[in-house]
Amino acid sequence: MTMLKISDNNRFLIHEDGTPFFWLGDTAWEMIHLLTREEIELYLRKRAAQG
């Protein structure tokens, strides 16, 4: 695994070799409003299994 650093323009994360680092994340902030309890539990079980 390579280390990350800040790009020269201070706007991005890049790998040590200068290639862009793609940051991917997700949230489930709205699930309380949109899903049933059963759907939430299924989602959380799936996410826990994915690590």
PDB file of N, CA and C in Angstrom:
ATOM      1  N   MET A   1       0.848  -1.174   0.000  1.00  0.00           N
ATOM      2  CA  MET A   1       0.000   0.000   0.000  1.00  0.00           C
ATOM      3  C   MET A   1       0.895   1.240   0.000  1.00  0.00           C
ATOM      4  N   THR A   2       0.568   2.168  -0.881  1.00  0.00           N
ATOM      5  CA  THR A   2       1.361   3.392  -0.944  1.00  0.00           C
ATOM      6  C   THR A   2       0.784   4.442  -0.009  1.00  0.00           C
ATOM      7  N   MET A   3       1.612   5.375   0.334  1.00  0.00           N
ATOM      8  CA  MET A   3       1.179   6.491   1.175  1.00  0.00           C
ATOM      9  C   MET A   3       0.491   7.534   0.297  1.00  0.00           C
ATOM     10  N   LEU A   4      -0.395   8.281   0.911  1.00  0.00           N
ATOM     11  CA  LEU A   4      -1.059   9.378   0.216  1.00  0.00           C
ATOM     12  C   LEU A   4      -0.413  10.690   0.610  1.00  0.00           C
ATOM     13  N   LYS A   5      -0.546  11.660  -0.274  1.00  0.00           N
ATOM     14  CA  LYS A   5      -0.071  13.003   0.048  1.00  0.00           C
ATOM     15  C   LYS A   5      -1.023  14.008  -0.577  1.00  0.00           C
ATOM     16  N   ILE A   6      -0.859  15.242  -0.222  1.00  0.00           N
ATOM     17  CA  ILE A   6      -1.686  16.320  -0.751  1.00  0.00           C
ATOM     18  C   ILE A   6      -1.055  16.833  -2.038  1.00  0.00           C
ATOM     19  N   SER A   7      -1.892  17.083  -3.038  1.00  0.00           N
ATOM     20  CA  SER A   7      -1.390  17.581  -4.315  1.00  0.00           C
ATOM     21  C   SER A   7      -0.748  18.953  -4.145  1.00  0.00           C
ATOM     22  N   ASP A   8       0.029  19.343  -5.134  1.00  0.00           N
ATOM     23  CA  ASP A   8       0.736  20.628  -5.074  1.00  0.00           C
ATOM     24  C   ASP A   8      -0.211  21.818  -4.927  1.00  0.00           C
ATOM     25  N   ASN A   9      -1.427  21.704  -5.480  1.00  0.00           N
ATOM     26  CA  ASN A   9      -2.375  22.816  -5.366  1.00  0.00           C
ATOM     27  C   ASN A   9      -3.242  22.712  -4.105  1.00  0.00           C
ATOM     28  N   ASN A  10      -2.936  21.724  -3.251  1.00  0.00           N
ATOM     29  CA  ASN A  10      -3.647  21.523  -1.974  1.00  0.00           C
ATOM     30  C   ASN A  10      -5.132  21.213  -2.129  1.00  0.00           C
ATOM     31  N   ARG A  11      -5.539  20.688  -3.285  1.00  0.00           N
ATOM     32  CA  ARG A  11      -6.959  20.421  -3.516  1.00  0.00           C
ATOM     33  C   ARG A  11      -7.304  18.944  -3.562  1.00  0.00           C
ATOM     34  N   PHE A  12      -6.311  18.068  -3.710  1.00  0.00           N
ATOM     35  CA  PHE A  12      -6.594  16.656  -3.931  1.00  0.00           C
ATOM     36  C   PHE A  12      -5.649  15.776  -3.126  1.00  0.00           C
ATOM     37  N   LEU A  13      -6.074  14.543  -2.933  1.00  0.00           N
ATOM     38  CA  LEU A  13      -5.170  13.522  -2.410  1.00  0.00           C
ATOM     39  C   LEU A  13      -4.602  12.760  -3.596  1.00  0.00           C
ATOM     40  N   ILE A  14      -3.323  12.474  -3.528  1.00  0.00           N
ATOM     41  CA  ILE A  14      -2.666  11.714  -4.585  1.00  0.00           C
ATOM     42  C   ILE A  14      -1.782  10.648  -3.954  1.00  0.00           C
ATOM     43  N   HIS A  15      -1.468   9.630  -4.761  1.00  0.00           N
ATOM     44  CA  HIS A  15      -0.519   8.606  -4.331  1.00  0.00           C
ATOM     45  C   HIS A  15       0.889   9.195  -4.375  1.00  0.00           C
ATOM     46  N   GLU A  16       1.823   8.507  -3.753  1.00  0.00           N
ATOM     47  CA  GLU A  16       3.217   8.983  -3.739  1.00  0.00           C
ATOM     48  C   GLU A  16       3.758   9.221  -5.142  1.00  0.00           C
ATOM     49  N   ASP A  17       3.279   8.408  -6.120  1.00  0.00           N
ATOM     50  CA  ASP A  17       3.788   8.559  -7.489  1.00  0.00           C
ATOM     51  C   ASP A  17       3.077   9.661  -8.277  1.00  0.00           C
ATOM     52  N   GLY A  18       2.140  10.370  -7.630  1.00  0.00           N
ATOM     53  CA  GLY A  18       1.459  11.488  -8.268  1.00  0.00           C
ATOM     54  C   GLY A  18       0.136  11.147  -8.929  1.00  0.00           C
ATOM     55  N   THR A  19      -0.217   9.864  -8.974  1.00  0.00           N
ATOM     56  CA  THR A  19      -1.498   9.501  -9.569  1.00  0.00           C
ATOM     57  C   THR A  19      -2.634   9.864  -8.618  1.00  0.00           C
ATOM     58  N   PRO A  20      -3.781  10.239  -9.169  1.00  0.00           N
ATOM     59  CA  PRO A  20      -4.911  10.649  -8.327  1.00  0.00           C
ATOM     60  C   PRO A  20      -5.394   9.516  -7.425  1.00  0.00           C
ATOM     61  N   PHE A  21      -5.835   9.872  -6.255  1.00  0.00           N
ATOM     62  CA  PHE A  21      -6.457   8.928  -5.328  1.00  0.00           C
ATOM     63  C   PHE A  21      -7.957   9.140  -5.402  1.00  0.00           C
ATOM     64  N   PHE A  22      -8.692   8.090  -5.755  1.00  0.00           N
ATOM     65  CA  PHE A  22     -10.144   8.172  -5.858  1.00  0.00           C
ATOM     66  C   PHE A  22     -10.746   7.765  -4.526  1.00  0.00           C
ATOM     67  N   TRP A  23     -11.387   8.707  -3.867  1.00  0.00           N
ATOM     68  CA  TRP A  23     -12.006   8.473  -2.565  1.00  0.00           C
ATOM     69  C   TRP A  23     -13.473   8.140  -2.802  1.00  0.00           C
ATOM     70  N   LEU A  24     -13.897   6.974  -2.335  1.00  0.00           N
ATOM     71  CA  LEU A  24     -15.290   6.573  -2.482  1.00  0.00           C
ATOM     72  C   LEU A  24     -15.850   6.231  -1.118  1.00  0.00           C
ATOM     73  N   GLY A  25     -16.930   6.834  -0.769  1.00  0.00           N
ATOM     74  CA  GLY A  25     -17.588   6.550   0.501  1.00  0.00           C
ATOM     75  C   GLY A  25     -19.086   6.677   0.331  1.00  0.00           C
ATOM     76  N   ASP A  26     -19.797   6.108   1.249  1.00  0.00           N
ATOM     77  CA  ASP A  26     -21.242   6.266   1.202  1.00  0.00           C
ATOM     78  C   ASP A  26     -21.786   6.442   2.610  1.00  0.00           C
ATOM     79  N   THR A  27     -22.966   6.958   2.671  1.00  0.00           N
ATOM     80  CA  THR A  27     -23.629   7.151   3.954  1.00  0.00           C
ATOM     81  C   THR A  27     -25.057   6.636   3.843  1.00  0.00           C
ATOM     82  N   ALA A  28     -25.666   6.436   4.963  1.00  0.00           N
ATOM     83  CA  ALA A  28     -27.057   5.974   4.989  1.00  0.00           C
ATOM     84  C   ALA A  28     -27.884   6.903   5.865  1.00  0.00           C
ATOM     85  N   TRP A  29     -27.577   8.179   5.822  1.00  0.00           N
ATOM     86  CA  TRP A  29     -28.216   9.151   6.701  1.00  0.00           C
ATOM     87  C   TRP A  29     -29.728   9.188   6.552  1.00  0.00           C
ATOM     88  N   GLU A  30     -30.222   8.998   5.358  1.00  0.00           N
ATOM     89  CA  GLU A  30     -31.656   9.137   5.104  1.00  0.00           C
ATOM     90  C   GLU A  30     -32.440   7.845   5.298  1.00  0.00           C
ATOM     91  N   MET A  31     -31.774   6.747   5.604  1.00  0.00           N
ATOM     92  CA  MET A  31     -32.500   5.483   5.682  1.00  0.00           C
ATOM     93  C   MET A  31     -33.564   5.482   6.770  1.00  0.00           C
ATOM     94  N   ILE A  32     -33.362   6.203   7.844  1.00  0.00           N
ATOM     95  CA  ILE A  32     -34.339   6.254   8.928  1.00  0.00           C
ATOM     96  C   ILE A  32     -35.675   6.799   8.417  1.00  0.00           C
ATOM     97  N   HIS A  33     -35.609   7.734   7.484  1.00  0.00           N
ATOM     98  CA  HIS A  33     -36.818   8.367   6.965  1.00  0.00           C
ATOM     99  C   HIS A  33     -37.457   7.586   5.821  1.00  0.00           C
ATOM    100  N   LEU A  34     -36.653   6.773   5.136  1.00  0.00           N
ATOM    101  CA  LEU A  34     -37.132   6.169   3.897  1.00  0.00           C
ATOM    102  C   LEU A  34     -37.391   4.672   3.971  1.00  0.00           C
ATOM    103  N   LEU A  35     -36.790   3.976   4.927  1.00  0.00           N
ATOM    104  CA  LEU A  35     -36.877   2.521   4.967  1.00  0.00           C
ATOM    105  C   LEU A  35     -37.640   2.033   6.186  1.00  0.00           C
ATOM    106  N   THR A  36     -38.144   0.817   6.057  1.00  0.00           N
ATOM    107  CA  THR A  36     -38.774   0.175   7.210  1.00  0.00           C
ATOM    108  C   THR A  36     -37.686  -0.374   8.126  1.00  0.00           C
ATOM    109  N   ARG A  37     -38.066  -0.748   9.322  1.00  0.00           N
ATOM    110  CA  ARG A  37     -37.098  -1.329  10.262  1.00  0.00           C
ATOM    111  C   ARG A  37     -36.452  -2.579   9.659  1.00  0.00           C
ATOM    112  N   GLU A  38     -37.247  -3.410   9.005  1.00  0.00           N
ATOM    113  CA  GLU A  38     -36.721  -4.635   8.396  1.00  0.00           C
ATOM    114  C   GLU A  38     -35.706  -4.309   7.299  1.00  0.00           C
ATOM    115  N   GLU A  39     -35.988  -3.298   6.497  1.00  0.00           N
ATOM    116  CA  GLU A  39     -35.056  -2.899   5.437  1.00  0.00           C
ATOM    117  C   GLU A  39     -33.758  -2.349   6.021  1.00  0.00           C
ATOM    118  N   ILE A  40     -33.869  -1.602   7.096  1.00  0.00           N
ATOM    119  CA  ILE A  40     -32.676  -1.066   7.755  1.00  0.00           C
ATOM    120  C   ILE A  40     -31.823  -2.198   8.306  1.00  0.00           C
ATOM    121  N   GLU A  41     -32.454  -3.157   8.966  1.00  0.00           N
ATOM    122  CA  GLU A  41     -31.711  -4.289   9.517  1.00  0.00           C
ATOM    123  C   GLU A  41     -31.030  -5.091   8.414  1.00  0.00           C
ATOM    124  N   LEU A  42     -31.716  -5.299   7.290  1.00  0.00           N
ATOM    125  CA  LEU A  42     -31.120  -6.000   6.156  1.00  0.00           C
ATOM    126  C   LEU A  42     -29.912  -5.227   5.628  1.00  0.00           C
ATOM    127  N   TYR A  43     -30.067  -3.932   5.457  1.00  0.00           N
ATOM    128  CA  TYR A  43     -28.966  -3.085   4.986  1.00  0.00           C
ATOM    129  C   TYR A  43     -27.759  -3.191   5.921  1.00  0.00           C
ATOM    130  N   LEU A  44     -28.000  -3.077   7.219  1.00  0.00           N
ATOM    131  CA  LEU A  44     -26.899  -3.119   8.183  1.00  0.00           C
ATOM    132  C   LEU A  44     -26.225  -4.486   8.212  1.00  0.00           C
ATOM    133  N   ARG A  45     -26.994  -5.550   8.085  1.00  0.00           N
ATOM    134  CA  ARG A  45     -26.390  -6.893   8.027  1.00  0.00           C
ATOM    135  C   ARG A  45     -25.513  -7.039   6.789  1.00  0.00           C
ATOM    136  N   LYS A  46     -26.011  -6.568   5.651  1.00  0.00           N
ATOM    137  CA  LYS A  46     -25.230  -6.651   4.409  1.00  0.00           C
ATOM    138  C   LYS A  46     -23.938  -5.846   4.520  1.00  0.00           C
ATOM    139  N   ARG A  47     -24.036  -4.629   5.038  1.00  0.00           N
ATOM    140  CA  ARG A  47     -22.842  -3.782   5.168  1.00  0.00           C
ATOM    141  C   ARG A  47     -21.832  -4.400   6.128  1.00  0.00           C
ATOM    142  N   ALA A  48     -22.311  -4.968   7.232  1.00  0.00           N
ATOM    143  CA  ALA A  48     -21.408  -5.608   8.195  1.00  0.00           C
ATOM    144  C   ALA A  48     -20.699  -6.794   7.547  1.00  0.00           C
ATOM    145  N   ALA A  49     -21.396  -7.541   6.712  1.00  0.00           N
ATOM    146  CA  ALA A  49     -20.792  -8.693   6.042  1.00  0.00           C
ATOM    147  C   ALA A  49     -19.747  -8.263   5.013  1.00  0.00           C
ATOM    148  N   GLN A  50     -19.912  -7.068   4.465  1.00  0.00           N
ATOM    149  CA  GLN A  50     -18.971  -6.564   3.462  1.00  0.00           C
ATOM    150  C   GLN A  50     -17.697  -5.997   4.082  1.00  0.00           C
ATOM    151  N   GLY A  51     -17.729  -5.783   5.366  1.00  0.00           N
ATOM    152  CA  GLY A  51     -16.540  -5.293   6.055  1.00  0.00           C
ATOM    153  C   GLY A  51     -16.405  -3.825   6.131  1.00  0.00           C
TER     154      GLY A  51
END
